[in-house]
């Protein structure tokens, strides 16, 4: 298993389009929101999740160059990438967040898919204040283990292994070591019009 997947927490988005095409689409946005690509190191497993550490990463998984993988920073607002790629540009995509154990400060396991310029499916188990909460929206996808969603303990309804299984079934082979290597130079997105 990749060291990233063994972290106490990770988040990841995958878009069904080649990296070069997605970068061109971001460059073509109106001036105030346009983004340009800057080459950056693909720094696994040390890629950070806080502003000021390593940047937002976009890469082309070596095992499937038709995908673009995105690792956003948690608190940095980098979630715009999957929102624009899927809801504005019309690509299919998936976004996940996963805590390895229920003892984490704010544990969450979440799986969201996008299709046809909208969110298609969301399923999440998270500890919200003192209680666990389970949420789902949209029709279950054929590969989901929906029987788990009725588990007595809410935290057992969606666990990391299920999230990884769902990613694989969707078409993102994250358990393949080549997924975490890039078929081309990894990039980050920066403002096309720095102030």
Protein backbone atom coordinates (compact mmCIF):
# COMPACT_ATOMS: atom_id res chain seq x y z
CA UNK A 1 0.00 0.00 0.00
CA UNK A 2 1.22 3.52 -0.76
CA UNK A 3 2.55 5.46 2.25
CA UNK A 4 -0.08 8.11 1.46
CA UNK A 5 -2.89 5.61 2.00
CA UNK A 6 -1.38 4.59 5.33
CA UNK A 7 -1.49 8.14 6.72
CA UNK A 8 -3.84 8.92 9.60
CA UNK A 9 -5.69 11.23 7.15
CA UNK A 10 -5.58 11.78 3.41
CA UNK A 11 -7.71 13.48 0.82
CA UNK A 12 -7.58 12.96 -2.90
CA UNK A 13 -9.53 13.87 -6.02
CA UNK A 14 -9.29 12.14 -9.38
CA UNK A 15 -10.63 13.55 -12.65
CA UNK A 16 -11.18 11.56 -15.85
CA UNK A 17 -9.13 13.73 -18.18
CA UNK A 18 -5.44 14.03 -19.00
CA UNK A 19 -3.45 16.52 -16.93
CA UNK A 20 -2.37 18.63 -19.93
CA UNK A 21 -5.96 19.20 -21.05
CA UNK A 22 -7.13 20.13 -17.57
CA UNK A 23 -4.28 22.62 -17.16
CA UNK A 24 -5.27 24.24 -20.49
CA UNK A 25 -8.86 24.59 -19.28
CA UNK A 26 -7.75 26.35 -16.08
CA UNK A 27 -5.54 28.70 -18.12
CA UNK A 28 -8.55 29.60 -20.28
CA UNK A 29 -10.74 30.83 -17.41
CA UNK A 30 -11.60 34.55 -17.03
CA UNK A 31 -8.63 36.64 -15.79
CA UNK A 32 -9.66 36.85 -12.12
CA UNK A 33 -9.89 33.08 -11.69
CA UNK A 34 -7.48 31.79 -14.36
CA UNK A 35 -4.72 29.49 -13.13
CA UNK A 36 -1.40 28.59 -14.70
CA UNK A 37 0.62 25.47 -14.10
CA UNK A 38 3.97 25.57 -12.37
CA UNK A 39 6.15 22.48 -12.18
CA UNK A 40 6.54 21.06 -8.70
CA UNK A 41 8.05 18.01 -7.07
CA UNK A 42 5.91 14.94 -6.60
CA UNK A 43 6.81 14.61 -2.94
CA UNK A 44 5.18 11.45 -1.60
CA UNK A 45 4.83 10.50 1.15
CA UNK A 46 5.75 13.87 2.66
CA UNK A 47 3.27 16.03 0.74
CA UNK A 48 1.84 18.38 3.34
CA UNK A 49 -1.71 19.33 4.16
CA UNK A 50 -1.16 22.81 5.53
CA UNK A 51 -0.73 26.16 3.82
CA UNK A 52 2.92 27.07 3.58
CA UNK A 53 4.10 23.49 3.21
CA UNK A 54 4.29 21.83 -0.18
CA UNK A 55 1.72 23.07 -2.72
CA UNK A 56 -1.43 21.61 -4.16
CA UNK A 57 -0.37 18.71 -6.38
CA UNK A 58 -1.74 17.62 -9.74
CA UNK A 59 -0.18 14.64 -11.48
CA UNK A 60 -0.82 12.13 -14.22
CA UNK A 61 -0.81 8.64 -12.66
CA UNK A 62 1.76 6.51 -14.50
CA UNK A 63 -0.67 3.56 -14.51
CA UNK A 64 -3.39 5.63 -16.27
CA UNK A 65 -2.32 8.88 -17.99
CA UNK A 66 -5.97 9.50 -18.92
CA UNK A 67 -6.58 10.50 -15.29
CA UNK A 68 -5.51 13.57 -13.35
CA UNK A 69 -4.96 13.06 -9.64
CA UNK A 70 -5.24 16.04 -7.31
CA UNK A 71 -4.06 16.22 -3.72
CA UNK A 72 -5.45 19.43 -2.21
CA UNK A 73 -4.35 21.13 0.96
CA UNK A 74 -6.94 20.69 3.71
CA UNK A 75 -7.27 24.29 4.85
CA UNK A 76 -6.17 26.08 1.72
CA UNK A 77 -9.29 26.15 -0.45
CA UNK A 78 -7.77 23.84 -3.05
CA UNK A 79 -11.07 22.00 -3.45
CA UNK A 80 -11.88 24.40 -6.30
CA UNK A 81 -9.93 22.12 -8.66
CA UNK A 82 -12.39 19.23 -8.56
CA UNK A 83 -15.38 21.61 -8.46
CA UNK A 84 -14.25 23.42 -11.63
CA UNK A 85 -13.06 20.26 -13.38
CA UNK A 86 -16.35 18.46 -12.83
CA UNK A 87 -19.09 21.05 -12.44
CA UNK A 88 -17.77 23.67 -14.88
CA UNK A 89 -15.66 21.73 -17.38
CA UNK A 90 -17.90 18.62 -17.32
CA UNK A 91 -15.37 15.90 -16.48
CA UNK A 92 -16.30 12.91 -14.35
CA UNK A 93 -14.53 12.92 -11.03
CA UNK A 94 -14.28 11.55 -7.53
CA UNK A 95 -13.23 13.18 -4.26
CA UNK A 96 -12.44 11.33 -1.05
CA UNK A 97 -11.38 12.14 2.49
CA UNK A 98 -10.37 9.36 4.84
CA UNK A 99 -9.29 8.96 8.45
CA UNK A 100 -7.52 5.74 9.28
CA UNK A 101 -9.00 5.30 12.73
CA UNK A 102 -12.07 6.40 14.65
CA UNK A 103 -9.81 7.83 17.36
CA UNK A 104 -8.64 10.72 15.14
CA UNK A 105 -9.63 14.20 16.35
CA UNK A 106 -12.24 14.63 13.60
CA UNK A 107 -12.60 11.25 11.89
CA UNK A 108 -14.25 11.12 8.48
CA UNK A 109 -14.60 8.71 5.58
CA UNK A 110 -16.22 10.28 2.53
CA UNK A 111 -16.69 9.32 -1.11
CA UNK A 112 -18.19 11.78 -3.64
CA UNK A 113 -18.60 11.30 -7.39
CA UNK A 114 -19.39 13.82 -10.11
CA UNK A 115 -20.93 13.20 -13.53
CA UNK A 116 -22.80 15.36 -16.03
CA UNK A 117 -21.62 18.64 -14.44
CA UNK A 118 -23.12 17.83 -11.06
CA UNK A 119 -22.52 15.83 -7.94
CA UNK A 120 -23.77 12.31 -8.64
CA UNK A 121 -23.30 10.52 -5.33
CA UNK A 122 -22.06 11.30 -1.82
CA UNK A 123 -21.67 8.96 1.12
CA UNK A 124 -20.00 9.92 4.39
CA UNK A 125 -19.49 8.72 7.95
CA UNK A 126 -17.98 11.30 10.29
CA UNK A 127 -17.80 12.27 13.91
CA UNK A 128 -19.52 15.62 14.17
CA UNK A 129 -19.17 16.95 17.72
CA UNK A 130 -19.70 14.10 20.18
CA UNK A 131 -21.81 11.97 17.81
CA UNK A 132 -21.18 10.08 14.64
CA UNK A 133 -23.22 11.09 11.59
CA UNK A 134 -23.95 9.10 8.43
CA UNK A 135 -25.00 10.93 5.27
CA UNK A 136 -25.77 9.86 1.75
CA UNK A 137 -27.17 11.65 -1.28
CA UNK A 138 -27.90 10.33 -4.76
CA UNK A 139 -28.45 6.79 -5.95
CA UNK A 140 -25.94 4.17 -4.76
CA UNK A 141 -23.43 3.13 -7.39
CA UNK A 142 -23.35 -0.55 -8.43
CA UNK A 143 -20.07 -1.23 -6.61
CA UNK A 144 -21.10 0.20 -3.22
CA UNK A 145 -21.40 -2.13 -0.24
CA UNK A 146 -24.80 -0.71 0.72
CA UNK A 147 -25.39 -3.44 3.30
CA UNK A 148 -22.70 -1.79 5.44
CA UNK A 149 -24.76 1.41 5.61
CA UNK A 150 -27.13 -0.21 8.11
CA UNK A 151 -24.41 -1.19 10.61
CA UNK A 152 -25.44 -0.51 14.19
CA UNK A 153 -22.36 1.61 14.89
CA UNK A 154 -22.42 4.60 12.55
CA UNK A 155 -18.62 4.70 12.30
CA UNK A 156 -18.68 1.19 10.81
CA UNK A 157 -20.92 2.20 7.90
CA UNK A 158 -18.08 3.59 5.77
CA UNK A 159 -14.47 2.75 6.58
CA UNK A 160 -11.19 3.44 4.80
CA UNK A 161 -11.02 0.01 3.13
CA UNK A 162 -14.44 0.61 1.56
CA UNK A 163 -13.35 4.06 0.34
CA UNK A 164 -10.28 2.50 -1.30
CA UNK A 165 -12.42 -0.26 -2.84
CA UNK A 166 -14.83 2.37 -4.20
CA UNK A 167 -11.96 4.38 -5.72
CA UNK A 168 -10.68 1.27 -7.49
CA UNK A 169 -14.15 0.33 -8.77
CA UNK A 170 -14.68 3.89 -10.02
CA UNK A 171 -11.46 3.63 -12.02
CA UNK A 172 -8.75 5.14 -9.80
CA UNK A 173 -6.30 2.32 -8.99
CA UNK A 174 -4.85 3.95 -5.86
CA UNK A 175 -3.45 0.68 -4.51
CA UNK A 176 -1.19 0.40 -7.58
CA UNK A 177 2.24 1.90 -6.78
CA UNK A 178 2.31 3.43 -10.29
CA UNK A 179 -0.70 5.59 -9.38
CA UNK A 180 1.59 7.56 -7.06
CA UNK A 181 4.17 8.17 -9.83
CA UNK A 182 3.55 10.67 -12.58
CA UNK A 183 3.65 9.97 -16.31
CA UNK A 184 4.79 13.60 -16.73
CA UNK A 185 6.02 16.49 -14.58
CA UNK A 186 3.70 17.14 -11.63
CA UNK A 187 2.26 20.65 -11.39
CA UNK A 188 0.62 23.03 -8.99
CA UNK A 189 -1.81 25.77 -9.99
CA UNK A 190 -0.95 29.41 -9.35
CA UNK A 191 -2.86 32.58 -10.10
CA UNK A 192 -2.38 33.60 -13.72
CA UNK A 193 -2.61 37.23 -12.58
CA UNK A 194 -0.58 37.71 -9.39
CA UNK A 195 -1.50 40.88 -7.55
